[in-house]
Amino acid sequence: MLVPVRCFTCGNLVADKFEEYQNRVKSGEEPAKILDSLGIERYCCRRMLLTTVETIQQVIPFYEAMYKRNTEIQSELE
């Protein structure tokens, strides 16, 4: 998970609130109310949490496919 530690604009700490934010969004709460309850009022900090994507889950399948292909090539060469 690649969560920014601090807001790029104002420097406030946002990484410590990300996990709770994600859990509450997955449970069905409204994102605006979650951000208000977490005390994130600045729009720049809100942007940091709203737009963060867990890219590692999108990248892992490519690495698995590359590993599988490399093992196939190695077995053909032997």
Protein backbone atom coordinates (compact mmCIF):
# COMPACT_ATOMS: atom_id res chain seq x y z
CA MET A 1 0.00 0.00 0.00
CA LEU A 2 1.48 3.32 -1.04
CA VAL A 3 -0.17 5.85 1.24
CA PRO A 4 1.47 9.27 1.44
CA VAL A 5 2.66 9.98 4.96
CA ARG A 6 1.91 13.68 4.76
CA CYS A 7 -0.30 15.90 2.66
CA PHE A 8 1.64 17.17 -0.35
CA THR A 9 0.26 20.69 0.03
CA CYS A 10 0.14 21.55 3.73
CA GLY A 11 2.26 18.82 5.31
CA ASN A 12 -0.35 17.48 7.74
CA LEU A 13 -0.05 13.85 8.75
CA VAL A 14 -2.60 11.72 6.85
CA ALA A 15 -1.15 8.19 6.79
CA ASP A 16 -2.24 7.42 10.35
CA LYS A 17 -5.89 7.95 9.39
CA PHE A 18 -5.88 5.98 6.14
CA GLU A 19 -6.53 2.50 7.54
CA GLU A 20 -9.51 3.62 9.61
CA TYR A 21 -10.85 5.57 6.63
CA GLN A 22 -10.59 2.51 4.34
CA ASN A 23 -12.25 0.20 6.87
CA ARG A 24 -15.14 2.57 7.41
CA VAL A 25 -15.66 3.14 3.67
CA LYS A 26 -15.74 -0.62 3.11
CA SER A 27 -18.35 -0.94 5.85
CA GLY A 28 -20.61 1.44 3.92
CA GLU A 29 -20.24 4.81 5.61
CA GLU A 30 -20.27 8.02 3.59
CA PRO A 31 -16.72 9.29 2.90
CA ALA A 32 -17.51 12.93 3.70
CA LYS A 33 -18.83 12.05 7.15
CA ILE A 34 -15.83 9.81 7.84
CA LEU A 35 -13.40 12.58 6.96
CA ASP A 36 -15.30 15.02 9.18
CA SER A 37 -15.23 12.61 12.12
CA LEU A 38 -11.49 11.99 11.63
CA GLY A 39 -10.89 15.74 11.84
CA ILE A 40 -9.70 16.18 8.28
CA GLU A 41 -11.12 19.54 7.28
CA ARG A 42 -8.72 20.94 4.70
CA TYR A 43 -9.60 20.06 1.14
CA CYS A 44 -5.99 19.29 0.29
CA CYS A 45 -5.81 16.64 3.04
CA ARG A 46 -9.20 15.24 2.07
CA ARG A 47 -7.92 14.86 -1.48
CA MET A 48 -5.00 12.79 -0.23
CA LEU A 49 -7.30 10.18 1.32
CA LEU A 50 -10.00 10.24 -1.34
CA THR A 51 -7.65 9.74 -4.28
CA THR A 52 -5.20 7.21 -2.82
CA VAL A 53 -5.39 3.87 -4.63
CA GLU A 54 -3.87 0.65 -3.36
CA THR A 55 -1.66 0.13 -6.38
CA ILE A 56 0.10 -2.93 -5.03
CA GLN A 57 -3.02 -5.04 -5.62
CA GLN A 58 -3.00 -3.94 -9.26
CA VAL A 59 0.72 -4.63 -9.78
CA ILE A 60 0.99 -8.09 -8.19
CA PRO A 61 -0.69 -9.99 -11.09
CA PHE A 62 1.90 -8.62 -13.52
CA TYR A 63 4.79 -9.79 -11.36
CA GLU A 64 3.20 -13.21 -10.99
CA ALA A 65 2.78 -13.47 -14.76
CA MET A 66 6.40 -12.40 -15.32
CA TYR A 67 7.64 -15.00 -12.82
CA LYS A 68 5.58 -17.74 -14.45
CA ARG A 69 6.86 -16.81 -17.91
CA ASN A 70 10.47 -16.73 -16.68
CA THR A 71 10.16 -20.21 -15.20
CA GLU A 72 8.67 -21.48 -18.48
CA ILE A 73 11.56 -20.02 -20.46
CA GLN A 74 14.12 -21.49 -18.05
CA SER A 75 12.55 -24.93 -18.34
CA GLU A 76 12.61 -24.69 -22.18
CA LEU A 77 16.29 -23.76 -22.14
CA GLU A 78 17.23 -26.73 -19.98
